[in-house]
Protein backbone atom coordinates (compact mmCIF):
# COMPACT_ATOMS: atom_id res chain seq x y z
CA MET A 1 -184.21 -81.00 -21.00
CA GLU A 2 -183.98 -84.76 -21.15
CA LEU A 3 -184.67 -86.61 -24.39
CA PRO A 4 -187.87 -88.67 -24.58
CA LYS A 5 -187.67 -92.46 -24.86
CA ILE A 6 -186.83 -93.43 -28.44
CA SER A 7 -185.33 -96.57 -29.98
CA GLN A 8 -181.74 -97.56 -29.23
CA PRO A 9 -180.63 -97.15 -32.87
CA ALA A 10 -182.10 -93.62 -32.87
CA MET A 11 -180.37 -92.83 -29.56
CA ARG A 12 -177.06 -94.07 -30.96
CA ALA A 13 -177.59 -91.87 -34.03
CA LEU A 14 -178.14 -88.83 -31.80
CA THR A 15 -175.14 -89.72 -29.65
CA SER A 16 -173.01 -89.88 -32.81
CA ILE A 17 -173.71 -86.17 -33.43
CA ASN A 18 -173.30 -85.27 -29.73
CA VAL A 19 -177.02 -84.65 -29.04
CA LYS A 20 -177.71 -85.10 -25.34
CA SER A 21 -180.80 -82.98 -24.70
CA LEU A 22 -183.97 -81.67 -26.31
CA GLU A 23 -182.27 -78.29 -26.67
CA ASP A 24 -179.52 -79.93 -28.75
CA ILE A 25 -182.19 -81.25 -31.15
CA MET A 26 -183.12 -77.66 -32.04
CA LYS A 27 -179.78 -77.32 -33.87
CA TYR A 28 -180.92 -79.83 -36.52
CA SER A 29 -183.68 -80.01 -39.12
CA GLU A 30 -185.91 -83.05 -39.53
CA GLU A 31 -184.12 -83.82 -42.80
CA GLU A 32 -180.71 -83.78 -41.13
CA LEU A 33 -181.90 -86.15 -38.41
CA LEU A 34 -183.62 -88.50 -40.87
CA ALA A 35 -180.34 -88.74 -42.80
CA LEU A 36 -178.71 -90.38 -39.76
CA HIS A 37 -178.35 -94.15 -39.89
CA GLY A 38 -180.87 -95.69 -37.48
CA PHE A 39 -183.05 -92.59 -37.15
CA GLY A 40 -186.54 -92.75 -38.68
CA PRO A 41 -189.92 -91.03 -38.93
CA LYS A 42 -191.22 -92.54 -35.68
CA SER A 43 -188.39 -90.91 -33.74
CA ILE A 44 -189.20 -87.57 -35.39
CA ARG A 45 -192.85 -87.91 -34.29
CA ILE A 46 -191.82 -88.67 -30.70
CA LEU A 47 -189.37 -85.76 -30.60
CA ARG A 48 -191.85 -83.36 -32.24
CA LYS A 49 -194.53 -84.18 -29.68
CA GLU A 50 -192.13 -83.52 -26.81
CA MET A 51 -190.73 -80.37 -28.42
CA ASP A 52 -194.22 -78.99 -29.11
CA ALA A 53 -195.09 -79.49 -25.44
CA HIS A 54 -192.15 -77.23 -24.54
CA GLY A 55 -192.53 -74.66 -27.32
CA MET A 56 -189.42 -75.86 -29.17
CA LYS A 57 -188.91 -76.30 -32.90
CA PHE A 58 -186.53 -78.07 -35.26
CA LYS A 59 -183.99 -75.94 -37.14
CA ASN A 60 -185.48 -74.04 -40.12
CA GLU A 61 -189.01 -74.07 -38.69
CA GLU A 62 -190.81 -70.85 -37.87
């Protein structure tokens, strides 16, 4: 599934860890993503909204 529109720095941060889809995001926790340079809380909110809509969760969430 395609990633939602997020900032360019956040996209570069995801590209640096080879994340290309919403499914790839599920391999990481919020904390791991927030530790990336250029990735912030707003990007987490955008991703969470999209993931919730598709029944997906971040790593370590039940």
